[in-house]
N, C-alpha and C. Protein backbone atom coordinates (compact mmCIF):
# COMPACT_ATOMS: atom_id res chain seq x y z
N MET A 1 300.07 44.37 85.65
CA MET A 1 298.80 45.00 85.35
C MET A 1 297.82 44.68 86.48
N VAL A 2 297.12 45.68 86.95
CA VAL A 2 296.16 45.51 88.03
C VAL A 2 294.79 45.23 87.43
N LEU A 3 294.18 44.14 87.88
CA LEU A 3 292.87 43.77 87.37
C LEU A 3 291.78 44.44 88.20
N GLY A 4 290.71 44.80 87.54
CA GLY A 4 289.57 45.33 88.25
C GLY A 4 288.71 44.21 88.81
N LEU A 5 287.74 44.58 89.61
CA LEU A 5 286.87 43.58 90.22
C LEU A 5 286.08 42.82 89.17
N HIS A 6 285.62 43.51 88.14
CA HIS A 6 284.86 42.86 87.08
C HIS A 6 285.69 41.79 86.37
N ASN A 7 286.95 42.12 86.09
CA ASN A 7 287.82 41.16 85.41
C ASN A 7 288.11 39.96 86.30
N MET A 8 288.28 40.19 87.61
CA MET A 8 288.54 39.09 88.52
C MET A 8 287.34 38.15 88.61
N VAL A 9 286.15 38.72 88.72
CA VAL A 9 284.94 37.90 88.80
C VAL A 9 284.74 37.13 87.50
N GLU A 10 285.01 37.79 86.39
CA GLU A 10 284.90 37.13 85.09
C GLU A 10 285.86 35.95 84.97
N SER A 11 287.10 36.14 85.44
CA SER A 11 288.09 35.06 85.33
C SER A 11 287.74 33.89 86.25
N VAL A 12 287.20 34.18 87.45
CA VAL A 12 286.77 33.10 88.33
C VAL A 12 285.60 32.35 87.70
N GLY A 13 284.68 33.07 87.06
CA GLY A 13 283.57 32.42 86.38
C GLY A 13 284.03 31.54 85.23
N GLN A 14 285.01 32.00 84.46
CA GLN A 14 285.54 31.18 83.37
C GLN A 14 286.26 29.95 83.91
N TYR A 15 287.01 30.13 85.00
CA TYR A 15 287.69 28.99 85.62
C TYR A 15 286.67 27.98 86.10
N TRP A 16 285.59 28.47 86.70
CA TRP A 16 284.53 27.60 87.23
C TRP A 16 283.91 26.78 86.09
N GLN A 17 283.62 27.42 84.97
CA GLN A 17 282.97 26.72 83.85
C GLN A 17 283.92 25.75 83.16
N ASN A 18 285.19 26.08 83.09
CA ASN A 18 286.12 25.25 82.33
C ASN A 18 286.69 24.08 83.13
N HIS A 19 286.89 24.25 84.45
CA HIS A 19 287.65 23.26 85.21
C HIS A 19 286.86 22.53 86.29
N ILE A 20 285.69 22.99 86.64
CA ILE A 20 284.99 22.40 87.77
C ILE A 20 283.63 21.88 87.31
N SER A 21 283.37 20.63 87.60
CA SER A 21 282.09 20.03 87.27
C SER A 21 281.08 20.36 88.36
N ALA A 22 279.93 20.82 87.96
CA ALA A 22 278.89 21.18 88.94
C ALA A 22 278.03 19.98 89.32
N ASP A 23 278.39 18.80 88.85
CA ASP A 23 277.59 17.62 89.13
C ASP A 23 277.85 17.04 90.51
N GLY A 24 279.07 17.16 90.99
CA GLY A 24 279.42 16.51 92.25
C GLY A 24 279.40 17.47 93.42
N ASP A 25 279.58 16.90 94.61
CA ASP A 25 279.62 17.70 95.82
C ASP A 25 280.93 18.46 95.96
N LEU A 26 281.93 18.05 95.24
CA LEU A 26 283.23 18.71 95.36
C LEU A 26 283.24 20.10 94.72
N SER A 27 282.21 20.43 93.95
CA SER A 27 282.18 21.76 93.34
C SER A 27 282.07 22.85 94.40
N LEU A 28 281.30 22.60 95.46
CA LEU A 28 281.21 23.57 96.54
C LEU A 28 282.52 23.69 97.29
N LEU A 29 283.19 22.58 97.48
CA LEU A 29 284.49 22.60 98.15
C LEU A 29 285.52 23.35 97.32
N ALA A 30 285.47 23.19 96.01
CA ALA A 30 286.40 23.90 95.13
C ALA A 30 286.15 25.40 95.16
N LEU A 31 284.88 25.80 95.18
CA LEU A 31 284.57 27.22 95.25
C LEU A 31 285.03 27.80 96.57
N ASP A 32 284.87 27.07 97.67
CA ASP A 32 285.35 27.54 98.96
C ASP A 32 286.87 27.70 98.93
N GLY A 33 287.55 26.78 98.28
CA GLY A 33 289.00 26.88 98.18
C GLY A 33 289.42 28.10 97.37
N ILE A 34 288.71 28.39 96.29
CA ILE A 34 289.03 29.55 95.47
C ILE A 34 288.81 30.83 96.27
N LEU A 35 287.76 30.88 97.07
CA LEU A 35 287.48 32.09 97.84
C LEU A 35 288.34 32.20 99.09
N LEU A 36 288.90 31.11 99.57
CA LEU A 36 289.71 31.13 100.78
C LEU A 36 291.14 31.60 100.53
N ILE A 37 291.64 31.44 99.34
CA ILE A 37 293.02 31.80 99.03
C ILE A 37 293.31 33.29 99.28
N PRO A 38 292.48 34.24 98.82
CA PRO A 38 292.77 35.65 99.12
C PRO A 38 292.73 35.97 100.62
N VAL A 39 291.88 35.28 101.36
CA VAL A 39 291.82 35.51 102.80
C VAL A 39 293.11 35.05 103.47
N VAL A 40 293.65 33.93 103.04
CA VAL A 40 294.90 33.43 103.61
C VAL A 40 296.05 34.40 103.31
N PHE A 41 296.11 34.92 102.09
CA PHE A 41 297.14 35.90 101.77
C PHE A 41 296.97 37.17 102.58
N ALA A 42 295.73 37.60 102.78
CA ALA A 42 295.49 38.81 103.58
C ALA A 42 295.93 38.60 105.02
N VAL A 43 295.76 37.40 105.55
CA VAL A 43 296.20 37.11 106.92
C VAL A 43 297.72 37.25 107.03
N PHE A 44 298.45 36.83 106.02
CA PHE A 44 299.90 36.95 106.06
C PHE A 44 300.36 38.40 105.99
N PHE A 45 299.71 39.22 105.18
CA PHE A 45 300.18 40.58 104.99
C PHE A 45 299.59 41.57 105.98
N TYR A 46 298.36 41.33 106.47
CA TYR A 46 297.71 42.23 107.42
C TYR A 46 297.13 41.42 108.58
N PRO A 47 297.96 40.89 109.46
CA PRO A 47 297.45 39.96 110.48
C PRO A 47 296.52 40.62 111.49
N MET A 48 296.84 41.81 111.97
CA MET A 48 295.99 42.45 112.99
C MET A 48 294.65 42.88 112.39
N ALA A 49 294.67 43.42 111.20
CA ALA A 49 293.42 43.84 110.57
C ALA A 49 292.52 42.64 110.30
N MET A 50 293.10 41.56 109.83
CA MET A 50 292.29 40.37 109.56
C MET A 50 291.78 39.74 110.85
N LEU A 51 292.58 39.79 111.92
CA LEU A 51 292.13 39.28 113.20
C LEU A 51 290.92 40.07 113.69
N ILE A 52 290.98 41.38 113.54
CA ILE A 52 289.85 42.22 113.95
C ILE A 52 288.63 41.93 113.09
N ILE A 53 288.81 41.79 111.79
CA ILE A 53 287.68 41.53 110.89
C ILE A 53 287.06 40.17 111.18
N ILE A 54 287.89 39.15 111.35
CA ILE A 54 287.37 37.80 111.61
C ILE A 54 286.65 37.76 112.95
N ALA A 55 287.22 38.42 113.97
CA ALA A 55 286.58 38.44 115.28
C ALA A 55 285.24 39.18 115.23
N SER A 56 285.18 40.29 114.49
CA SER A 56 283.92 41.03 114.40
C SER A 56 282.86 40.24 113.63
N VAL A 57 283.26 39.53 112.59
CA VAL A 57 282.30 38.71 111.84
C VAL A 57 281.77 37.58 112.73
N LEU A 58 282.65 36.95 113.49
CA LEU A 58 282.21 35.89 114.40
C LEU A 58 281.29 36.42 115.48
N LEU A 59 281.57 37.61 116.02
CA LEU A 59 280.70 38.20 117.03
C LEU A 59 279.33 38.56 116.45
N LEU A 60 279.31 39.08 115.22
CA LEU A 60 278.03 39.38 114.58
C LEU A 60 277.22 38.12 114.31
N MET A 61 277.90 37.04 113.91
CA MET A 61 277.19 35.79 113.69
C MET A 61 276.63 35.24 114.99
N LEU A 62 277.41 35.32 116.06
CA LEU A 62 276.93 34.85 117.36
C LEU A 62 275.76 35.68 117.85
N ALA A 63 275.84 37.00 117.67
CA ALA A 63 274.74 37.87 118.10
C ALA A 63 273.47 37.57 117.30
N GLY A 64 273.60 37.36 116.00
CA GLY A 64 272.44 37.00 115.19
C GLY A 64 271.82 35.69 115.61
N TYR A 65 272.67 34.71 115.89
CA TYR A 65 272.17 33.43 116.36
C TYR A 65 271.43 33.58 117.68
N GLU A 66 271.99 34.34 118.59
CA GLU A 66 271.35 34.52 119.90
C GLU A 66 270.02 35.26 119.78
N VAL A 67 269.93 36.23 118.89
CA VAL A 67 268.66 36.94 118.69
C VAL A 67 267.60 36.00 118.16
N VAL A 68 267.95 35.19 117.17
CA VAL A 68 266.99 34.24 116.61
C VAL A 68 266.61 33.20 117.65
N HIS A 69 267.58 32.69 118.40
CA HIS A 69 267.29 31.69 119.43
C HIS A 69 266.40 32.28 120.52
N PHE A 70 266.68 33.50 120.95
CA PHE A 70 265.87 34.15 121.98
C PHE A 70 264.45 34.39 121.49
N SER A 71 264.31 34.84 120.24
CA SER A 71 262.97 35.13 119.73
C SER A 71 262.16 33.85 119.54
N ARG A 72 262.81 32.73 119.22
CA ARG A 72 262.07 31.48 119.06
C ARG A 72 261.72 30.84 120.39
N THR A 73 262.57 30.97 121.39
CA THR A 73 262.29 30.32 122.66
C THR A 73 261.35 31.13 123.53
N HIS A 74 261.34 32.43 123.40
CA HIS A 74 260.50 33.27 124.24
C HIS A 74 259.24 33.75 123.52
N HIS A 75 259.01 33.27 122.32
CA HIS A 75 257.79 33.58 121.56
C HIS A 75 257.52 35.08 121.56
N ALA A 76 258.36 35.80 120.87
CA ALA A 76 258.32 37.26 120.91
C ALA A 76 257.14 37.82 120.12
N HIS A 77 255.93 37.33 120.40
CA HIS A 77 254.76 37.84 119.69
C HIS A 77 254.43 39.26 120.12
N TRP A 78 254.82 39.66 121.32
CA TRP A 78 254.57 41.02 121.76
C TRP A 78 255.37 42.01 120.94
N PHE A 79 256.50 41.59 120.39
CA PHE A 79 257.33 42.49 119.59
C PHE A 79 256.72 42.71 118.22
N TRP A 80 256.13 41.71 117.65
CA TRP A 80 255.63 41.80 116.29
C TRP A 80 254.23 42.41 116.21
N HIS A 81 253.47 42.42 117.29
CA HIS A 81 252.09 42.91 117.25
C HIS A 81 251.94 44.23 117.99
N ARG A 82 252.81 45.16 117.81
CA ARG A 82 252.68 46.47 118.46
C ARG A 82 251.72 47.33 117.71
């Protein structure tokens, strides 16, 4: 049986409430582990597509960082006061 997105999110939420304590720092690590498993499986089945997706996400993150760094170091007040 194929589960829909709503059912998958619901089951992850139930797993989170039943098995993971939100009191400790390990709760964030557990959530990262739950979200990382589908990515690892996708890498095995679609390696080139995932390589392209991961590379594009990293490039977008780097570009965003550079834009913020450039705007903070060069005081881009001329851009905001047009």
